[in-house]
């Protein structure tokens, strides 16, 4: 997975994601969606903490991979598809 592209994509969508957080009906209607949104924000924060992605230690790669998997699992239980649809 190209982490630099994922980081750029999440940063490009950040304003949209923040607007979702600011919309209480969206958050209150579906707890699974709220958990997914939190997982996406956490992944974005994890990616932003890295100065680059070319020489990441194996432990960072495993950690980020786990964050991606967490979002995937939460999304598949939220909408049944298992595909990030944000």
C-alpha atoms as a PDB file:
ATOM      1  CA  UNK A   1       0.000   0.000   0.000  1.00  0.00           C
ATOM      2  CA  UNK A   2       1.264   3.456  -0.858  1.00  0.00           C
ATOM      3  CA  UNK A   3       1.100   5.220   2.507  1.00  0.00           C
ATOM      4  CA  UNK A   4       2.046   8.579   1.007  1.00  0.00           C
ATOM      5  CA  UNK A   5      -0.980   8.432  -1.301  1.00  0.00           C
ATOM      6  CA  UNK A   6      -3.233   7.338   1.551  1.00  0.00           C
ATOM      7  CA  UNK A   7      -1.932  10.208   3.689  1.00  0.00           C
ATOM      8  CA  UNK A   8      -2.529  12.702   0.863  1.00  0.00           C
ATOM      9  CA  UNK A   9      -6.039  11.328   0.269  1.00  0.00           C
ATOM     10  CA  UNK A  10      -6.990  11.589   3.942  1.00  0.00           C
ATOM     11  CA  UNK A  11      -5.621  15.123   4.158  1.00  0.00           C
ATOM     12  CA  UNK A  12      -7.580  16.059   1.031  1.00  0.00           C
ATOM     13  CA  UNK A  13     -10.783  14.732   2.646  1.00  0.00           C
ATOM     14  CA  UNK A  14     -10.069  16.107   6.131  1.00  0.00           C
ATOM     15  CA  UNK A  15     -12.489  19.067   5.902  1.00  0.00           C
ATOM     16  CA  UNK A  16     -15.273  16.752   4.806  1.00  0.00           C
ATOM     17  CA  UNK A  17     -14.517  14.344   7.655  1.00  0.00           C
ATOM     18  CA  UNK A  18     -14.497  17.201  10.161  1.00  0.00           C
ATOM     19  CA  UNK A  19     -17.901  18.345   8.893  1.00  0.00           C
ATOM     20  CA  UNK A  20     -19.209  14.838   9.541  1.00  0.00           C
ATOM     21  CA  UNK A  21     -17.929  15.073  13.118  1.00  0.00           C
ATOM     22  CA  UNK A  22     -19.688  18.405  13.520  1.00  0.00           C
ATOM     23  CA  UNK A  23     -23.019  16.871  12.508  1.00  0.00           C
ATOM     24  CA  UNK A  24     -24.542  15.249  15.621  1.00  0.00           C
ATOM     25  CA  UNK A  25     -27.374  13.442  13.784  1.00  0.00           C
ATOM     26  CA  UNK A  26     -24.807  11.581  11.671  1.00  0.00           C
ATOM     27  CA  UNK A  27     -22.921  10.499  14.776  1.00  0.00           C
ATOM     28  CA  UNK A  28     -25.963   9.629  16.843  1.00  0.00           C
ATOM     29  CA  UNK A  29     -27.726   7.611  14.143  1.00  0.00           C
ATOM     30  CA  UNK A  30     -25.046   5.003  13.686  1.00  0.00           C
ATOM     31  CA  UNK A  31     -22.509   4.082  16.364  1.00  0.00           C
ATOM     32  CA  UNK A  32     -20.558   1.877  13.933  1.00  0.00           C
ATOM     33  CA  UNK A  33     -20.124   4.812  11.548  1.00  0.00           C
ATOM     34  CA  UNK A  34     -18.921   6.970  14.434  1.00  0.00           C
ATOM     35  CA  UNK A  35     -16.331   4.310  15.336  1.00  0.00           C
ATOM     36  CA  UNK A  36     -15.230   4.141  11.701  1.00  0.00           C
ATOM     37  CA  UNK A  37     -14.854   7.911  11.558  1.00  0.00           C
ATOM     38  CA  UNK A  38     -12.743   7.863  14.711  1.00  0.00           C
ATOM     39  CA  UNK A  39     -10.586   5.087  13.260  1.00  0.00           C
ATOM     40  CA  UNK A  40     -10.027   7.117  10.084  1.00  0.00           C
ATOM     41  CA  UNK A  41      -9.020  10.186  12.104  1.00  0.00           C
ATOM     42  CA  UNK A  42      -6.663   8.083  14.200  1.00  0.00           C
ATOM     43  CA  UNK A  43      -5.078   6.603  11.074  1.00  0.00           C
ATOM     44  CA  UNK A  44      -4.674  10.104   9.653  1.00  0.00           C
ATOM     45  CA  UNK A  45      -2.955  11.244  12.862  1.00  0.00           C
ATOM     46  CA  UNK A  46      -0.650   8.218  12.764  1.00  0.00           C
ATOM     47  CA  UNK A  47       0.342   8.988   9.182  1.00  0.00           C
ATOM     48  CA  UNK A  48       0.865  12.671   9.926  1.00  0.00           C
ATOM     49  CA  UNK A  49       3.285  11.797  12.764  1.00  0.00           C
ATOM     50  CA  UNK A  50       5.709  10.193  10.288  1.00  0.00           C
ATOM     51  CA  UNK A  51       8.229  12.417   8.476  1.00  0.00           C
ATOM     52  CA  UNK A  52       8.061  10.097   5.475  1.00  0.00           C
ATOM     53  CA  UNK A  53       7.211   6.562   4.484  1.00  0.00           C
ATOM     54  CA  UNK A  54      10.252   5.324   2.571  1.00  0.00           C
ATOM     55  CA  UNK A  55      12.263   4.060   5.543  1.00  0.00           C
ATOM     56  CA  UNK A  56       9.669   3.224   8.179  1.00  0.00           C
ATOM     57  CA  UNK A  57      10.728   0.722  10.818  1.00  0.00           C
ATOM     58  CA  UNK A  58       8.950  -2.631  10.636  1.00  0.00           C
ATOM     59  CA  UNK A  59       7.171  -1.831  13.915  1.00  0.00           C
ATOM     60  CA  UNK A  60       5.653   1.331  12.366  1.00  0.00           C
ATOM     61  CA  UNK A  61       4.558  -0.613   9.292  1.00  0.00           C
ATOM     62  CA  UNK A  62       2.836  -3.219  11.475  1.00  0.00           C
ATOM     63  CA  UNK A  63       1.197  -0.516  13.588  1.00  0.00           C
ATOM     64  CA  UNK A  64      -0.123   1.412  10.594  1.00  0.00           C
ATOM     65  CA  UNK A  65      -1.244  -1.847   8.976  1.00  0.00           C
ATOM     66  CA  UNK A  66      -3.188  -2.621  12.139  1.00  0.00           C
ATOM     67  CA  UNK A  67      -4.842   0.800  12.026  1.00  0.00           C
ATOM     68  CA  UNK A  68      -5.864   0.239   8.409  1.00  0.00           C
ATOM     69  CA  UNK A  69      -7.237  -3.192   9.285  1.00  0.00           C
ATOM     70  CA  UNK A  70      -9.185  -1.717  12.206  1.00  0.00           C
ATOM     71  CA  UNK A  71     -10.852   0.770   9.867  1.00  0.00           C
ATOM     72  CA  UNK A  72     -11.581  -1.964   7.341  1.00  0.00           C
ATOM     73  CA  UNK A  73     -13.160  -4.217   9.977  1.00  0.00           C
ATOM     74  CA  UNK A  74     -15.222  -1.376  11.429  1.00  0.00           C
ATOM     75  CA  UNK A  75     -16.400  -0.381   7.973  1.00  0.00           C
ATOM     76  CA  UNK A  76     -17.372  -3.903   7.021  1.00  0.00           C
ATOM     77  CA  UNK A  77     -19.481  -4.202  10.141  1.00  0.00           C
ATOM     78  CA  UNK A  78     -20.938  -0.711   9.587  1.00  0.00           C
ATOM     79  CA  UNK A  79     -22.129  -1.187   6.010  1.00  0.00           C
ATOM     80  CA  UNK A  80     -21.573  -4.848   5.216  1.00  0.00           C
ATOM     81  CA  UNK A  81     -19.202  -4.186   2.320  1.00  0.00           C
ATOM     82  CA  UNK A  82     -15.748  -4.109   3.835  1.00  0.00           C
ATOM     83  CA  UNK A  83     -14.775  -1.340   1.427  1.00  0.00           C
ATOM     84  CA  UNK A  84     -13.796   2.119   2.609  1.00  0.00           C
ATOM     85  CA  UNK A  85     -16.500   4.260   1.135  1.00  0.00           C
ATOM     86  CA  UNK A  86     -15.501   7.646   2.473  1.00  0.00           C
END
